[in-house]
């Protein structure tokens, strides 16, 4: 579990290269560090639900990223907030 204010990195994983996959994590934040804003609750893993597999509940977080870590063209203090499931997050 992560708490608000925790620094996290999105795993630089590409399961869609190994065959059919349903991924809810945007490719442009894979490998990027951000900050947990809040825990949104625990939900059935949509990556399993998409294929009618049993789906364990996993935590979902709001994670804030500075846009300059993702895109070079940005304004000072630009941020982006993304919902990311906990199994995609790791400590940097």
PDB file of N, CA and C in Angstrom:
ATOM      1  N   UNK A   1       0.837  -1.190   0.000  1.00  0.00           N
ATOM      2  CA  UNK A   1       0.000   0.000   0.000  1.00  0.00           C
ATOM      3  C   UNK A   1       0.877   1.247   0.000  1.00  0.00           C
ATOM      4  N   UNK A   2       0.387   2.243  -0.656  1.00  0.00           N
ATOM      5  CA  UNK A   2       1.056   3.535  -0.683  1.00  0.00           C
ATOM      6  C   UNK A   2       0.170   4.557   0.029  1.00  0.00           C
ATOM      7  N   UNK A   3       0.797   5.612   0.510  1.00  0.00           N
ATOM      8  CA  UNK A   3       0.083   6.668   1.228  1.00  0.00           C
ATOM      9  C   UNK A   3       0.249   7.984   0.486  1.00  0.00           C
ATOM     10  N   UNK A   4      -0.664   8.946   0.697  1.00  0.00           N
ATOM     11  CA  UNK A   4      -0.508  10.253   0.084  1.00  0.00           C
ATOM     12  C   UNK A   4       0.882  10.831   0.380  1.00  0.00           C
ATOM     13  N   UNK A   5       1.510  11.373  -0.645  1.00  0.00           N
ATOM     14  CA  UNK A   5       2.840  11.943  -0.527  1.00  0.00           C
ATOM     15  C   UNK A   5       3.958  10.983  -0.877  1.00  0.00           C
ATOM     16  N   UNK A   6       3.665   9.672  -0.955  1.00  0.00           N
ATOM     17  CA  UNK A   6       4.703   8.700  -1.322  1.00  0.00           C
ATOM     18  C   UNK A   6       5.172   8.928  -2.752  1.00  0.00           C
ATOM     19  N   UNK A   7       6.483   8.884  -2.933  1.00  0.00           N
ATOM     20  CA  UNK A   7       7.056   8.926  -4.277  1.00  0.00           C
ATOM     21  C   UNK A   7       6.960   7.521  -4.852  1.00  0.00           C
ATOM     22  N   UNK A   8       6.525   7.407  -6.083  1.00  0.00           N
ATOM     23  CA  UNK A   8       6.383   6.117  -6.751  1.00  0.00           C
ATOM     24  C   UNK A   8       6.913   6.228  -8.177  1.00  0.00           C
ATOM     25  N   UNK A   9       7.191   5.078  -8.762  1.00  0.00           N
ATOM     26  CA  UNK A   9       7.547   5.009 -10.179  1.00  0.00           C
ATOM     27  C   UNK A   9       6.608   3.996 -10.814  1.00  0.00           C
ATOM     28  N   UNK A  10       6.114   4.324 -11.980  1.00  0.00           N
ATOM     29  CA  UNK A  10       5.284   3.386 -12.730  1.00  0.00           C
ATOM     30  C   UNK A  10       6.218   2.348 -13.343  1.00  0.00           C
ATOM     31  N   UNK A  11       5.875   1.085 -13.186  1.00  0.00           N
ATOM     32  CA  UNK A  11       6.722   0.022 -13.731  1.00  0.00           C
ATOM     33  C   UNK A  11       6.882   0.215 -15.241  1.00  0.00           C
ATOM     34  N   UNK A  12       8.069  -0.025 -15.700  1.00  0.00           N
ATOM     35  CA  UNK A  12       8.364   0.077 -17.136  1.00  0.00           C
ATOM     36  C   UNK A  12       8.134  -1.300 -17.756  1.00  0.00           C
ATOM     37  N   UNK A  13       6.889  -1.746 -17.716  1.00  0.00           N
ATOM     38  CA  UNK A  13       6.494  -3.071 -18.198  1.00  0.00           C
ATOM     39  C   UNK A  13       5.646  -2.915 -19.454  1.00  0.00           C
ATOM     40  N   UNK A  14       5.733  -3.897 -20.337  1.00  0.00           N
ATOM     41  CA  UNK A  14       5.006  -3.847 -21.607  1.00  0.00           C
ATOM     42  C   UNK A  14       4.342  -5.195 -21.876  1.00  0.00           C
ATOM     43  N   UNK A  15       3.380  -5.617 -21.056  1.00  0.00           N
ATOM     44  CA  UNK A  15       2.750  -6.924 -21.242  1.00  0.00           C
ATOM     45  C   UNK A  15       2.034  -7.066 -22.583  1.00  0.00           C
ATOM     46  N   UNK A  16       1.645  -5.964 -23.183  1.00  0.00           N
ATOM     47  CA  UNK A  16       0.959  -6.058 -24.481  1.00  0.00           C
ATOM     48  C   UNK A  16       1.878  -6.570 -25.586  1.00  0.00           C
ATOM     49  N   UNK A  17       3.184  -6.573 -25.358  1.00  0.00           N
ATOM     50  CA  UNK A  17       4.128  -7.120 -26.341  1.00  0.00           C
ATOM     51  C   UNK A  17       4.203  -8.639 -26.256  1.00  0.00           C
ATOM     52  N   UNK A  18       3.607  -9.219 -25.220  1.00  0.00           N
ATOM     53  CA  UNK A  18       3.655 -10.667 -25.027  1.00  0.00           C
ATOM     54  C   UNK A  18       2.374 -11.345 -25.479  1.00  0.00           C
ATOM     55  N   UNK A  19       1.447 -10.609 -26.031  1.00  0.00           N
ATOM     56  CA  UNK A  19       0.191 -11.186 -26.476  1.00  0.00           C
ATOM     57  C   UNK A  19      -0.962 -10.282 -26.096  1.00  0.00           C
ATOM     58  N   UNK A  20      -2.186 -10.743 -26.294  1.00  0.00           N
ATOM     59  CA  UNK A  20      -3.349  -9.913 -25.978  1.00  0.00           C
ATOM     60  C   UNK A  20      -3.333  -9.457 -24.517  1.00  0.00           C
ATOM     61  N   UNK A  21      -3.598  -8.184 -24.326  1.00  0.00           N
ATOM     62  CA  UNK A  21      -3.601  -7.617 -22.976  1.00  0.00           C
ATOM     63  C   UNK A  21      -4.554  -6.433 -22.943  1.00  0.00           C
ATOM     64  N   UNK A  22      -5.094  -6.197 -21.770  1.00  0.00           N
ATOM     65  CA  UNK A  22      -5.923  -5.015 -21.529  1.00  0.00           C
ATOM     66  C   UNK A  22      -5.186  -4.197 -20.485  1.00  0.00           C
ATOM     67  N   UNK A  23      -4.634  -3.075 -20.881  1.00  0.00           N
ATOM     68  CA  UNK A  23      -3.794  -2.274 -20.002  1.00  0.00           C
ATOM     69  C   UNK A  23      -4.496  -0.957 -19.706  1.00  0.00           C
ATOM     70  N   UNK A  24      -4.603  -0.607 -18.426  1.00  0.00           N
ATOM     71  CA  UNK A  24      -5.223   0.647 -18.020  1.00  0.00           C
ATOM     72  C   UNK A  24      -4.192   1.716 -17.688  1.00  0.00           C
ATOM     73  N   UNK A  25      -2.901   1.390 -17.821  1.00  0.00           N
ATOM     74  CA  UNK A  25      -1.836   2.327 -17.471  1.00  0.00           C
ATOM     75  C   UNK A  25      -1.297   2.962 -18.746  1.00  0.00           C
ATOM     76  N   UNK A  26      -1.366   4.282 -18.869  1.00  0.00           N
ATOM     77  CA  UNK A  26      -0.887   4.934 -20.091  1.00  0.00           C
ATOM     78  C   UNK A  26       0.591   4.646 -20.350  1.00  0.00           C
ATOM     79  N   UNK A  27       0.909   4.375 -21.596  1.00  0.00           N
ATOM     80  CA  UNK A  27       2.290   4.048 -21.950  1.00  0.00           C
ATOM     81  C   UNK A  27       3.238   5.199 -21.650  1.00  0.00           C
ATOM     82  N   UNK A  28       2.760   6.441 -21.739  1.00  0.00           N
ATOM     83  CA  UNK A  28       3.648   7.592 -21.607  1.00  0.00           C
ATOM     84  C   UNK A  28       4.093   7.860 -20.174  1.00  0.00           C
ATOM     85  N   UNK A  29       3.536   7.139 -19.178  1.00  0.00           N
ATOM     86  CA  UNK A  29       4.025   7.302 -17.810  1.00  0.00           C
ATOM     87  C   UNK A  29       4.801   6.078 -17.327  1.00  0.00           C
ATOM     88  N   UNK A  30       4.964   5.075 -18.158  1.00  0.00           N
ATOM     89  CA  UNK A  30       5.719   3.895 -17.740  1.00  0.00           C
ATOM     90  C   UNK A  30       7.185   4.283 -17.542  1.00  0.00           C
ATOM     91  N   UNK A  31       7.710   3.977 -16.366  1.00  0.00           N
ATOM     92  CA  UNK A  31       9.073   4.338 -16.007  1.00  0.00           C
ATOM     93  C   UNK A  31       9.221   5.733 -15.425  1.00  0.00           C
ATOM     94  N   UNK A  32       8.119   6.466 -15.290  1.00  0.00           N
ATOM     95  CA  UNK A  32       8.159   7.856 -14.813  1.00  0.00           C
ATOM     96  C   UNK A  32       7.813   7.894 -13.315  1.00  0.00           C
ATOM     97  N   UNK A  33       8.492   8.788 -12.587  1.00  0.00           N
ATOM     98  CA  UNK A  33       8.217   8.964 -11.164  1.00  0.00           C
ATOM     99  C   UNK A  33       7.116   9.990 -10.953  1.00  0.00           C
ATOM    100  N   UNK A  34       6.305   9.735  -9.935  1.00  0.00           N
ATOM    101  CA  UNK A  34       5.232  10.645  -9.573  1.00  0.00           C
ATOM    102  C   UNK A  34       5.005  10.606  -8.074  1.00  0.00           C
ATOM    103  N   UNK A  35       3.893  11.183  -7.638  1.00  0.00           N
ATOM    104  CA  UNK A  35       3.559  11.253  -6.221  1.00  0.00           C
ATOM    105  C   UNK A  35       2.120  10.804  -6.012  1.00  0.00           C
ATOM    106  N   UNK A  36       1.910   9.917  -5.046  1.00  0.00           N
ATOM    107  CA  UNK A  36       0.565   9.472  -4.709  1.00  0.00           C
ATOM    108  C   UNK A  36      -0.192  10.636  -4.081  1.00  0.00           C
ATOM    109  N   UNK A  37      -1.384  10.899  -4.605  1.00  0.00           N
ATOM    110  CA  UNK A  37      -2.243  11.950  -4.060  1.00  0.00           C
ATOM    111  C   UNK A  37      -3.252  11.344  -3.084  1.00  0.00           C
ATOM    112  N   UNK A  38      -3.882  10.231  -3.500  1.00  0.00           N
ATOM    113  CA  UNK A  38      -4.871   9.594  -2.618  1.00  0.00           C
ATOM    114  C   UNK A  38      -5.135   8.167  -3.081  1.00  0.00           C
ATOM    115  N   UNK A  39      -5.560   7.358  -2.118  1.00  0.00           N
ATOM    116  CA  UNK A  39      -6.037   5.994  -2.387  1.00  0.00           C
ATOM    117  C   UNK A  39      -7.520   6.115  -2.697  1.00  0.00           C
ATOM    118  N   UNK A  40      -7.959   5.588  -3.813  1.00  0.00           N
ATOM    119  CA  UNK A  40      -9.348   5.729  -4.249  1.00  0.00           C
ATOM    120  C   UNK A  40     -10.221   4.546  -3.837  1.00  0.00           C
ATOM    121  N   UNK A  41      -9.610   3.496  -3.343  1.00  0.00           N
ATOM    122  CA  UNK A  41     -10.344   2.291  -2.975  1.00  0.00           C
ATOM    123  C   UNK A  41      -9.705   1.075  -3.617  1.00  0.00           C
ATOM    124  N   UNK A  42     -10.274  -0.086  -3.372  1.00  0.00           N
ATOM    125  CA  UNK A  42      -9.797  -1.336  -3.953  1.00  0.00           C
ATOM    126  C   UNK A  42     -10.869  -1.855  -4.907  1.00  0.00           C
ATOM    127  N   UNK A  43     -10.432  -2.253  -6.090  1.00  0.00           N
ATOM    128  CA  UNK A  43     -11.360  -2.660  -7.148  1.00  0.00           C
ATOM    129  C   UNK A  43     -10.846  -3.907  -7.838  1.00  0.00           C
ATOM    130  N   UNK A  44     -11.760  -4.663  -8.430  1.00  0.00           N
ATOM    131  CA  UNK A  44     -11.368  -5.843  -9.207  1.00  0.00           C
ATOM    132  C   UNK A  44     -10.434  -5.411 -10.335  1.00  0.00           C
ATOM    133  N   UNK A  45      -9.373  -6.170 -10.528  1.00  0.00           N
ATOM    134  CA  UNK A  45      -8.362  -5.838 -11.534  1.00  0.00           C
ATOM    135  C   UNK A  45      -8.975  -5.887 -12.938  1.00  0.00           C
ATOM    136  N   UNK A  46      -9.092  -4.731 -13.621  1.00  0.00           N
ATOM    137  CA  UNK A  46      -9.711  -4.708 -14.948  1.00  0.00           C
ATOM    138  C   UNK A  46      -8.893  -5.447 -16.002  1.00  0.00           C
ATOM    139  N   UNK A  47      -7.602  -5.641 -15.743  1.00  0.00           N
ATOM    140  CA  UNK A  47      -6.775  -6.381 -16.698  1.00  0.00           C
ATOM    141  C   UNK A  47      -7.168  -7.853 -16.739  1.00  0.00           C
ATOM    142  N   UNK A  48      -7.715  -8.366 -15.635  1.00  0.00           N
ATOM    143  CA  UNK A  48      -8.250  -9.726 -15.611  1.00  0.00           C
ATOM    144  C   UNK A  48      -9.712  -9.751 -16.046  1.00  0.00           C
ATOM    145  N   UNK A  49     -10.497  -8.790 -15.586  1.00  0.00           N
ATOM    146  CA  UNK A  49     -11.919  -8.750 -15.943  1.00  0.00           C
ATOM    147  C   UNK A  49     -12.121  -8.702 -17.453  1.00  0.00           C
ATOM    148  N   UNK A  50     -11.240  -8.037 -18.167  1.00  0.00           N
ATOM    149  CA  UNK A  50     -11.374  -7.915 -19.621  1.00  0.00           C
ATOM    150  C   UNK A  50     -11.349  -9.269 -20.326  1.00  0.00           C
ATOM    151  N   UNK A  51     -10.737 -10.256 -19.678  1.00  0.00           N
ATOM    152  CA  UNK A  51     -10.641 -11.588 -20.272  1.00  0.00           C
ATOM    153  C   UNK A  51     -11.464 -12.617 -19.492  1.00  0.00           C
ATOM    154  N   UNK A  52     -12.407 -12.139 -18.673  1.00  0.00           N
ATOM    155  CA  UNK A  52     -13.307 -12.993 -17.878  1.00  0.00           C
ATOM    156  C   UNK A  52     -12.535 -13.937 -16.965  1.00  0.00           C
ATOM    157  N   UNK A  53     -11.380 -13.479 -16.476  1.00  0.00           N
ATOM    158  CA  UNK A  53     -10.606 -14.254 -15.506  1.00  0.00           C
ATOM    159  C   UNK A  53     -10.996 -13.798 -14.107  1.00  0.00           C
ATOM    160  N   UNK A  54     -10.802 -14.660 -13.111  1.00  0.00           N
ATOM    161  CA  UNK A  54     -11.023 -14.212 -11.733  1.00  0.00           C
ATOM    162  C   UNK A  54     -10.137 -12.988 -11.461  1.00  0.00           C
ATOM    163  N   UNK A  55     -10.712 -11.989 -10.827  1.00  0.00           N
ATOM    164  CA  UNK A  55      -9.997 -10.727 -10.638  1.00  0.00           C
ATOM    165  C   UNK A  55      -9.905 -10.379  -9.162  1.00  0.00           C
ATOM    166  N   UNK A  56      -8.684 -10.376  -8.657  1.00  0.00           N
ATOM    167  CA  UNK A  56      -8.461  -9.954  -7.270  1.00  0.00           C
ATOM    168  C   UNK A  56      -8.676  -8.452  -7.167  1.00  0.00           C
ATOM    169  N   UNK A  57      -9.067  -8.003  -5.976  1.00  0.00           N
ATOM    170  CA  UNK A  57      -9.190  -6.563  -5.756  1.00  0.00           C
ATOM    171  C   UNK A  57      -7.784  -5.993  -5.557  1.00  0.00           C
ATOM    172  N   UNK A  58      -7.537  -4.864  -6.219  1.00  0.00           N
ATOM    173  CA  UNK A  58      -6.244  -4.188  -6.119  1.00  0.00           C
ATOM    174  C   UNK A  58      -6.491  -2.706  -5.835  1.00  0.00           C
ATOM    175  N   UNK A  59      -5.559  -2.061  -5.124  1.00  0.00           N
ATOM    176  CA  UNK A  59      -5.747  -0.648  -4.803  1.00  0.00           C
ATOM    177  C   UNK A  59      -5.606   0.228  -6.048  1.00  0.00           C
ATOM    178  N   UNK A  60      -6.405   1.284  -6.069  1.00  0.00           N
ATOM    179  CA  UNK A  60      -6.355   2.272  -7.154  1.00  0.00           C
ATOM    180  C   UNK A  60      -5.974   3.613  -6.531  1.00  0.00           C
ATOM    181  N   UNK A  61      -5.052   4.306  -7.187  1.00  0.00           N
ATOM    182  CA  UNK A  61      -4.532   5.565  -6.659  1.00  0.00           C
ATOM    183  C   UNK A  61      -4.646   6.681  -7.685  1.00  0.00           C
ATOM    184  N   UNK A  62      -4.774   7.901  -7.186  1.00  0.00           N
ATOM    185  CA  UNK A  62      -4.514   9.088  -7.994  1.00  0.00           C
ATOM    186  C   UNK A  62      -3.020   9.357  -7.842  1.00  0.00           C
ATOM    187  N   UNK A  63      -2.310   9.438  -8.965  1.00  0.00           N
ATOM    188  CA  UNK A  63      -0.878   9.729  -8.954  1.00  0.00           C
ATOM    189  C   UNK A  63      -0.656  10.996  -9.774  1.00  0.00           C
ATOM    190  N   UNK A  64       0.080  11.935  -9.180  1.00  0.00           N
ATOM    191  CA  UNK A  64       0.370  13.222  -9.829  1.00  0.00           C
ATOM    192  C   UNK A  64       1.781  13.161 -10.434  1.00  0.00           C
ATOM    193  N   UNK A  65       1.861  13.629 -11.680  1.00  0.00           N
ATOM    194  CA  UNK A  65       3.144  13.689 -12.380  1.00  0.00           C
ATOM    195  C   UNK A  65       3.399  15.121 -12.827  1.00  0.00           C
ATOM    196  N   UNK A  66       4.631  15.551 -12.724  1.00  0.00           N
ATOM    197  CA  UNK A  66       5.008  16.830 -13.330  1.00  0.00           C
ATOM    198  C   UNK A  66       5.091  16.591 -14.828  1.00  0.00           C
ATOM    199  N   UNK A  67       4.453  17.449 -15.586  1.00  0.00           N
ATOM    200  CA  UNK A  67       4.394  17.220 -17.042  1.00  0.00           C
ATOM    201  C   UNK A  67       5.764  17.286 -17.709  1.00  0.00           C
ATOM    202  N   UNK A  68       6.732  18.011 -17.086  1.00  0.00           N
ATOM    203  CA  UNK A  68       8.048  18.058 -17.721  1.00  0.00           C
ATOM    204  C   UNK A  68       8.772  16.722 -17.623  1.00  0.00           C
ATOM    205  N   UNK A  69       8.288  15.802 -16.779  1.00  0.00           N
ATOM    206  CA  UNK A  69       8.870  14.456 -16.732  1.00  0.00           C
ATOM    207  C   UNK A  69       8.307  13.584 -17.864  1.00  0.00           C
ATOM    208  N   UNK A  70       7.239  14.047 -18.489  1.00  0.00           N
ATOM    209  CA  UNK A  70       6.584  13.262 -19.538  1.00  0.00           C
ATOM    210  C   UNK A  70       6.782  13.904 -20.907  1.00  0.00           C
ATOM    211  N   UNK A  71       6.484  15.186 -20.999  1.00  0.00           N
ATOM    212  CA  UNK A  71       6.566  15.904 -22.271  1.00  0.00           C
ATOM    213  C   UNK A  71       7.448  17.144 -22.122  1.00  0.00           C
ATOM    214  N   UNK A  72       8.303  17.418 -23.080  1.00  0.00           N
ATOM    215  CA  UNK A  72       9.172  18.594 -22.967  1.00  0.00           C
ATOM    216  C   UNK A  72       8.420  19.920 -23.115  1.00  0.00           C
ATOM    217  N   UNK A  73       7.339  19.949 -23.880  1.00  0.00           N
ATOM    218  CA  UNK A  73       6.607  21.200 -24.075  1.00  0.00           C
ATOM    219  C   UNK A  73       5.554  21.320 -22.980  1.00  0.00           C
ATOM    220  N   UNK A  74       5.848  22.189 -22.018  1.00  0.00           N
ATOM    221  CA  UNK A  74       4.952  22.373 -20.886  1.00  0.00           C
ATOM    222  C   UNK A  74       5.154  23.764 -20.321  1.00  0.00           C
ATOM    223  N   UNK A  75       4.247  24.168 -19.460  1.00  0.00           N
ATOM    224  CA  UNK A  75       4.352  25.430 -18.744  1.00  0.00           C
ATOM    225  C   UNK A  75       4.880  25.129 -17.339  1.00  0.00           C
ATOM    226  N   UNK A  76       5.508  26.088 -16.690  1.00  0.00           N
ATOM    227  CA  UNK A  76       5.978  25.840 -15.323  1.00  0.00           C
ATOM    228  C   UNK A  76       4.822  25.382 -14.434  1.00  0.00           C
ATOM    229  N   UNK A  77       5.111  24.404 -13.614  1.00  0.00           N
ATOM    230  CA  UNK A  77       4.156  23.864 -12.634  1.00  0.00           C
ATOM    231  C   UNK A  77       2.996  23.084 -13.250  1.00  0.00           C
ATOM    232  N   UNK A  78       3.043  22.755 -14.537  1.00  0.00           N
ATOM    233  CA  UNK A  78       2.017  21.899 -15.124  1.00  0.00           C
ATOM    234  C   UNK A  78       2.088  20.518 -14.487  1.00  0.00           C
ATOM    235  N   UNK A  79       0.921  19.938 -14.233  1.00  0.00           N
ATOM    236  CA  UNK A  79       0.841  18.600 -13.668  1.00  0.00           C
ATOM    237  C   UNK A  79      -0.241  17.816 -14.397  1.00  0.00           C
ATOM    238  N   UNK A  80      -0.159  16.508 -14.252  1.00  0.00           N
ATOM    239  CA  UNK A  80      -1.204  15.635 -14.765  1.00  0.00           C
ATOM    240  C   UNK A  80      -1.529  14.639 -13.660  1.00  0.00           C
ATOM    241  N   UNK A  81      -2.799  14.330 -13.483  1.00  0.00           N
ATOM    242  CA  UNK A  81      -3.272  13.411 -12.456  1.00  0.00           C
ATOM    243  C   UNK A  81      -3.866  12.195 -13.155  1.00  0.00           C
ATOM    244  N   UNK A  82      -3.378  11.006 -12.796  1.00  0.00           N
ATOM    245  CA  UNK A  82      -3.803   9.781 -13.480  1.00  0.00           C
ATOM    246  C   UNK A  82      -4.197   8.742 -12.433  1.00  0.00           C
ATOM    247  N   UNK A  83      -5.249   7.978 -12.708  1.00  0.00           N
ATOM    248  CA  UNK A  83      -5.636   6.842 -11.867  1.00  0.00           C
ATOM    249  C   UNK A  83      -4.792   5.642 -12.290  1.00  0.00           C
ATOM    250  N   UNK A  84      -4.058   5.073 -11.323  1.00  0.00           N
ATOM    251  CA  UNK A  84      -3.181   3.940 -11.618  1.00  0.00           C
ATOM    252  C   UNK A  84      -3.363   2.877 -10.539  1.00  0.00           C
ATOM    253  N   UNK A  85      -3.506   1.629 -10.976  1.00  0.00           N
ATOM    254  CA  UNK A  85      -3.642   0.526 -10.039  1.00  0.00           C
ATOM    255  C   UNK A  85      -2.297   0.213  -9.389  1.00  0.00           C
ATOM    256  N   UNK A  86      -2.367  -0.185  -8.122  1.00  0.00           N
ATOM    257  CA  UNK A  86      -1.189  -0.386  -7.308  1.00  0.00           C
ATOM    258  C   UNK A  86      -0.184  -1.387  -7.844  1.00  0.00           C
ATOM    259  N   UNK A  87      -0.629  -2.404  -8.572  1.00  0.00           N
ATOM    260  CA  UNK A  87       0.329  -3.394  -9.072  1.00  0.00           C
ATOM    261  C   UNK A  87       1.226  -2.828 -10.177  1.00  0.00           C
ATOM    262  N   UNK A  88       0.930  -1.622 -10.644  1.00  0.00           N
ATOM    263  CA  UNK A  88       1.779  -0.941 -11.631  1.00  0.00           C
ATOM    264  C   UNK A  88       2.782  -0.011 -10.968  1.00  0.00           C
ATOM    265  N   UNK A  89       2.709   0.147  -9.656  1.00  0.00           N
ATOM    266  CA  UNK A  89       3.558   1.112  -8.965  1.00  0.00           C
ATOM    267  C   UNK A  89       4.644   0.409  -8.161  1.00  0.00           C
ATOM    268  N   UNK A  90       5.806   1.081  -8.072  1.00  0.00           N
ATOM    269  CA  UNK A  90       6.899   0.590  -7.250  1.00  0.00           C
ATOM    270  C   UNK A  90       7.584   1.800  -6.607  1.00  0.00           C
ATOM    271  N   UNK A  91       8.356   1.536  -5.576  1.00  0.00           N
ATOM    272  CA  UNK A  91       9.105   2.612  -4.941  1.00  0.00           C
ATOM    273  C   UNK A  91      10.353   2.896  -5.798  1.00  0.00           C
ATOM    274  N   UNK A  92      10.675   4.194  -5.982  1.00  0.00           N
ATOM    275  CA  UNK A  92      11.855   4.516  -6.826  1.00  0.00           C
ATOM    276  C   UNK A  92      13.162   4.135  -6.156  1.00  0.00           C
TER     277      UNK A  92
END
